């Protein structure tokens, strides 16, 4: 017959204390203020501005690839699909 191993109460209390202390410390990332990141993004086309180009995104094994196509003006949904 096998005996069940009962943990020593002090050892169990120590392990519980260590686990609670580790959980109470958080992730270890300190608080910081705002970080300067540079200028805002530029070159982004606003939708509906009548631009003569359309940006299409193709999905591939290495992520998405943007491609620019020329147009005569704003496109309907089917016209955008036809450019693919």
C-alpha atoms as a PDB file:
ATOM      1  CA  UNK A   1       0.000   0.000   0.000  1.00  0.00           C
ATOM      2  CA  UNK A   2       1.350   3.459  -0.922  1.00  0.00           C
ATOM      3  CA  UNK A   3       1.281   6.331   1.476  1.00  0.00           C
ATOM      4  CA  UNK A   4       0.137   9.774   0.479  1.00  0.00           C
ATOM      5  CA  UNK A   5       2.792  12.379   1.009  1.00  0.00           C
ATOM      6  CA  UNK A   6       1.375  15.231   3.048  1.00  0.00           C
ATOM      7  CA  UNK A   7       3.323  18.482   2.708  1.00  0.00           C
ATOM      8  CA  UNK A   8       4.704  19.981   5.854  1.00  0.00           C
ATOM      9  CA  UNK A   9       2.462  22.898   6.973  1.00  0.00           C
ATOM     10  CA  UNK A  10       5.405  25.341   7.193  1.00  0.00           C
ATOM     11  CA  UNK A  11       6.654  24.390   3.750  1.00  0.00           C
ATOM     12  CA  UNK A  12       3.165  24.782   2.284  1.00  0.00           C
ATOM     13  CA  UNK A  13       2.804  28.181   3.973  1.00  0.00           C
ATOM     14  CA  UNK A  14       6.211  29.263   2.612  1.00  0.00           C
ATOM     15  CA  UNK A  15       5.327  28.231  -0.944  1.00  0.00           C
ATOM     16  CA  UNK A  16       1.959  29.991  -0.675  1.00  0.00           C
ATOM     17  CA  UNK A  17       3.662  33.144   0.625  1.00  0.00           C
ATOM     18  CA  UNK A  18       6.174  33.136  -2.228  1.00  0.00           C
ATOM     19  CA  UNK A  19       3.417  32.692  -4.824  1.00  0.00           C
ATOM     20  CA  UNK A  20       1.329  35.497  -3.333  1.00  0.00           C
ATOM     21  CA  UNK A  21       4.357  37.815  -3.180  1.00  0.00           C
ATOM     22  CA  UNK A  22       5.196  37.067  -6.818  1.00  0.00           C
ATOM     23  CA  UNK A  23       1.618  37.817  -7.855  1.00  0.00           C
ATOM     24  CA  UNK A  24       1.515  41.039  -5.838  1.00  0.00           C
ATOM     25  CA  UNK A  25       4.629  42.473  -7.477  1.00  0.00           C
ATOM     26  CA  UNK A  26       2.931  42.659 -10.865  1.00  0.00           C
ATOM     27  CA  UNK A  27       4.664  42.376 -14.194  1.00  0.00           C
ATOM     28  CA  UNK A  28       7.693  44.457 -13.217  1.00  0.00           C
ATOM     29  CA  UNK A  29       7.113  47.283 -15.704  1.00  0.00           C
ATOM     30  CA  UNK A  30       7.418  50.656 -14.035  1.00  0.00           C
ATOM     31  CA  UNK A  31       5.216  53.633 -14.768  1.00  0.00           C
ATOM     32  CA  UNK A  32       6.536  56.233 -17.194  1.00  0.00           C
ATOM     33  CA  UNK A  33       5.360  59.517 -18.586  1.00  0.00           C
ATOM     34  CA  UNK A  34       4.663  60.282 -22.237  1.00  0.00           C
ATOM     35  CA  UNK A  35       7.429  59.219 -24.607  1.00  0.00           C
ATOM     36  CA  UNK A  36       8.329  61.346 -27.621  1.00  0.00           C
ATOM     37  CA  UNK A  37       7.919  59.213 -30.748  1.00  0.00           C
ATOM     38  CA  UNK A  38       8.528  61.659 -33.581  1.00  0.00           C
ATOM     39  CA  UNK A  39       6.315  63.189 -36.225  1.00  0.00           C
ATOM     40  CA  UNK A  40       2.863  61.790 -37.027  1.00  0.00           C
ATOM     41  CA  UNK A  41       2.352  59.537 -40.027  1.00  0.00           C
ATOM     42  CA  UNK A  42       2.356  61.234 -43.398  1.00  0.00           C
ATOM     43  CA  UNK A  43       1.388  60.197 -46.907  1.00  0.00           C
ATOM     44  CA  UNK A  44      -1.907  58.636 -45.866  1.00  0.00           C
ATOM     45  CA  UNK A  45      -4.724  59.242 -48.315  1.00  0.00           C
ATOM     46  CA  UNK A  46      -8.013  60.363 -46.897  1.00  0.00           C
ATOM     47  CA  UNK A  47     -11.022  58.439 -48.188  1.00  0.00           C
ATOM     48  CA  UNK A  48     -13.316  60.275 -50.568  1.00  0.00           C
ATOM     49  CA  UNK A  49     -10.901  63.066 -51.510  1.00  0.00           C
ATOM     50  CA  UNK A  50     -11.070  62.228 -55.221  1.00  0.00           C
ATOM     51  CA  UNK A  51      -7.484  60.995 -55.442  1.00  0.00           C
ATOM     52  CA  UNK A  52      -6.328  59.456 -58.703  1.00  0.00           C
ATOM     53  CA  UNK A  53      -4.818  56.390 -57.008  1.00  0.00           C
ATOM     54  CA  UNK A  54      -6.189  53.534 -54.948  1.00  0.00           C
ATOM     55  CA  UNK A  55      -4.231  51.457 -52.452  1.00  0.00           C
ATOM     56  CA  UNK A  56      -4.966  47.719 -52.506  1.00  0.00           C
ATOM     57  CA  UNK A  57      -3.619  45.215 -49.982  1.00  0.00           C
ATOM     58  CA  UNK A  58      -2.675  41.680 -50.992  1.00  0.00           C
ATOM     59  CA  UNK A  59      -2.319  38.952 -48.377  1.00  0.00           C
ATOM     60  CA  UNK A  60       0.593  36.567 -48.806  1.00  0.00           C
ATOM     61  CA  UNK A  61       2.699  34.142 -46.786  1.00  0.00           C
ATOM     62  CA  UNK A  62       4.818  37.004 -45.385  1.00  0.00           C
ATOM     63  CA  UNK A  63       1.943  39.341 -44.455  1.00  0.00           C
ATOM     64  CA  UNK A  64       0.122  42.008 -46.402  1.00  0.00           C
ATOM     65  CA  UNK A  65       1.644  43.966 -49.286  1.00  0.00           C
ATOM     66  CA  UNK A  66       0.251  47.363 -50.321  1.00  0.00           C
ATOM     67  CA  UNK A  67      -0.042  48.067 -54.051  1.00  0.00           C
ATOM     68  CA  UNK A  68      -1.038  51.399 -55.619  1.00  0.00           C
ATOM     69  CA  UNK A  69      -3.222  51.432 -58.726  1.00  0.00           C
ATOM     70  CA  UNK A  70      -4.197  54.426 -60.890  1.00  0.00           C
ATOM     71  CA  UNK A  71      -7.861  55.360 -61.265  1.00  0.00           C
ATOM     72  CA  UNK A  72      -9.950  58.075 -62.877  1.00  0.00           C
ATOM     73  CA  UNK A  73     -11.636  58.990 -59.569  1.00  0.00           C
ATOM     74  CA  UNK A  74     -13.432  57.465 -56.608  1.00  0.00           C
ATOM     75  CA  UNK A  75     -14.467  53.852 -57.168  1.00  0.00           C
ATOM     76  CA  UNK A  76     -17.537  51.801 -56.408  1.00  0.00           C
ATOM     77  CA  UNK A  77     -17.087  48.473 -54.646  1.00  0.00           C
ATOM     78  CA  UNK A  78     -17.210  46.393 -57.829  1.00  0.00           C
ATOM     79  CA  UNK A  79     -14.710  48.651 -59.591  1.00  0.00           C
ATOM     80  CA  UNK A  80     -12.280  48.229 -56.687  1.00  0.00           C
ATOM     81  CA  UNK A  81     -12.686  44.449 -56.915  1.00  0.00           C
ATOM     82  CA  UNK A  82     -12.056  44.572 -60.657  1.00  0.00           C
ATOM     83  CA  UNK A  83      -8.656  46.212 -59.995  1.00  0.00           C
ATOM     84  CA  UNK A  84      -7.565  43.132 -58.071  1.00  0.00           C
END
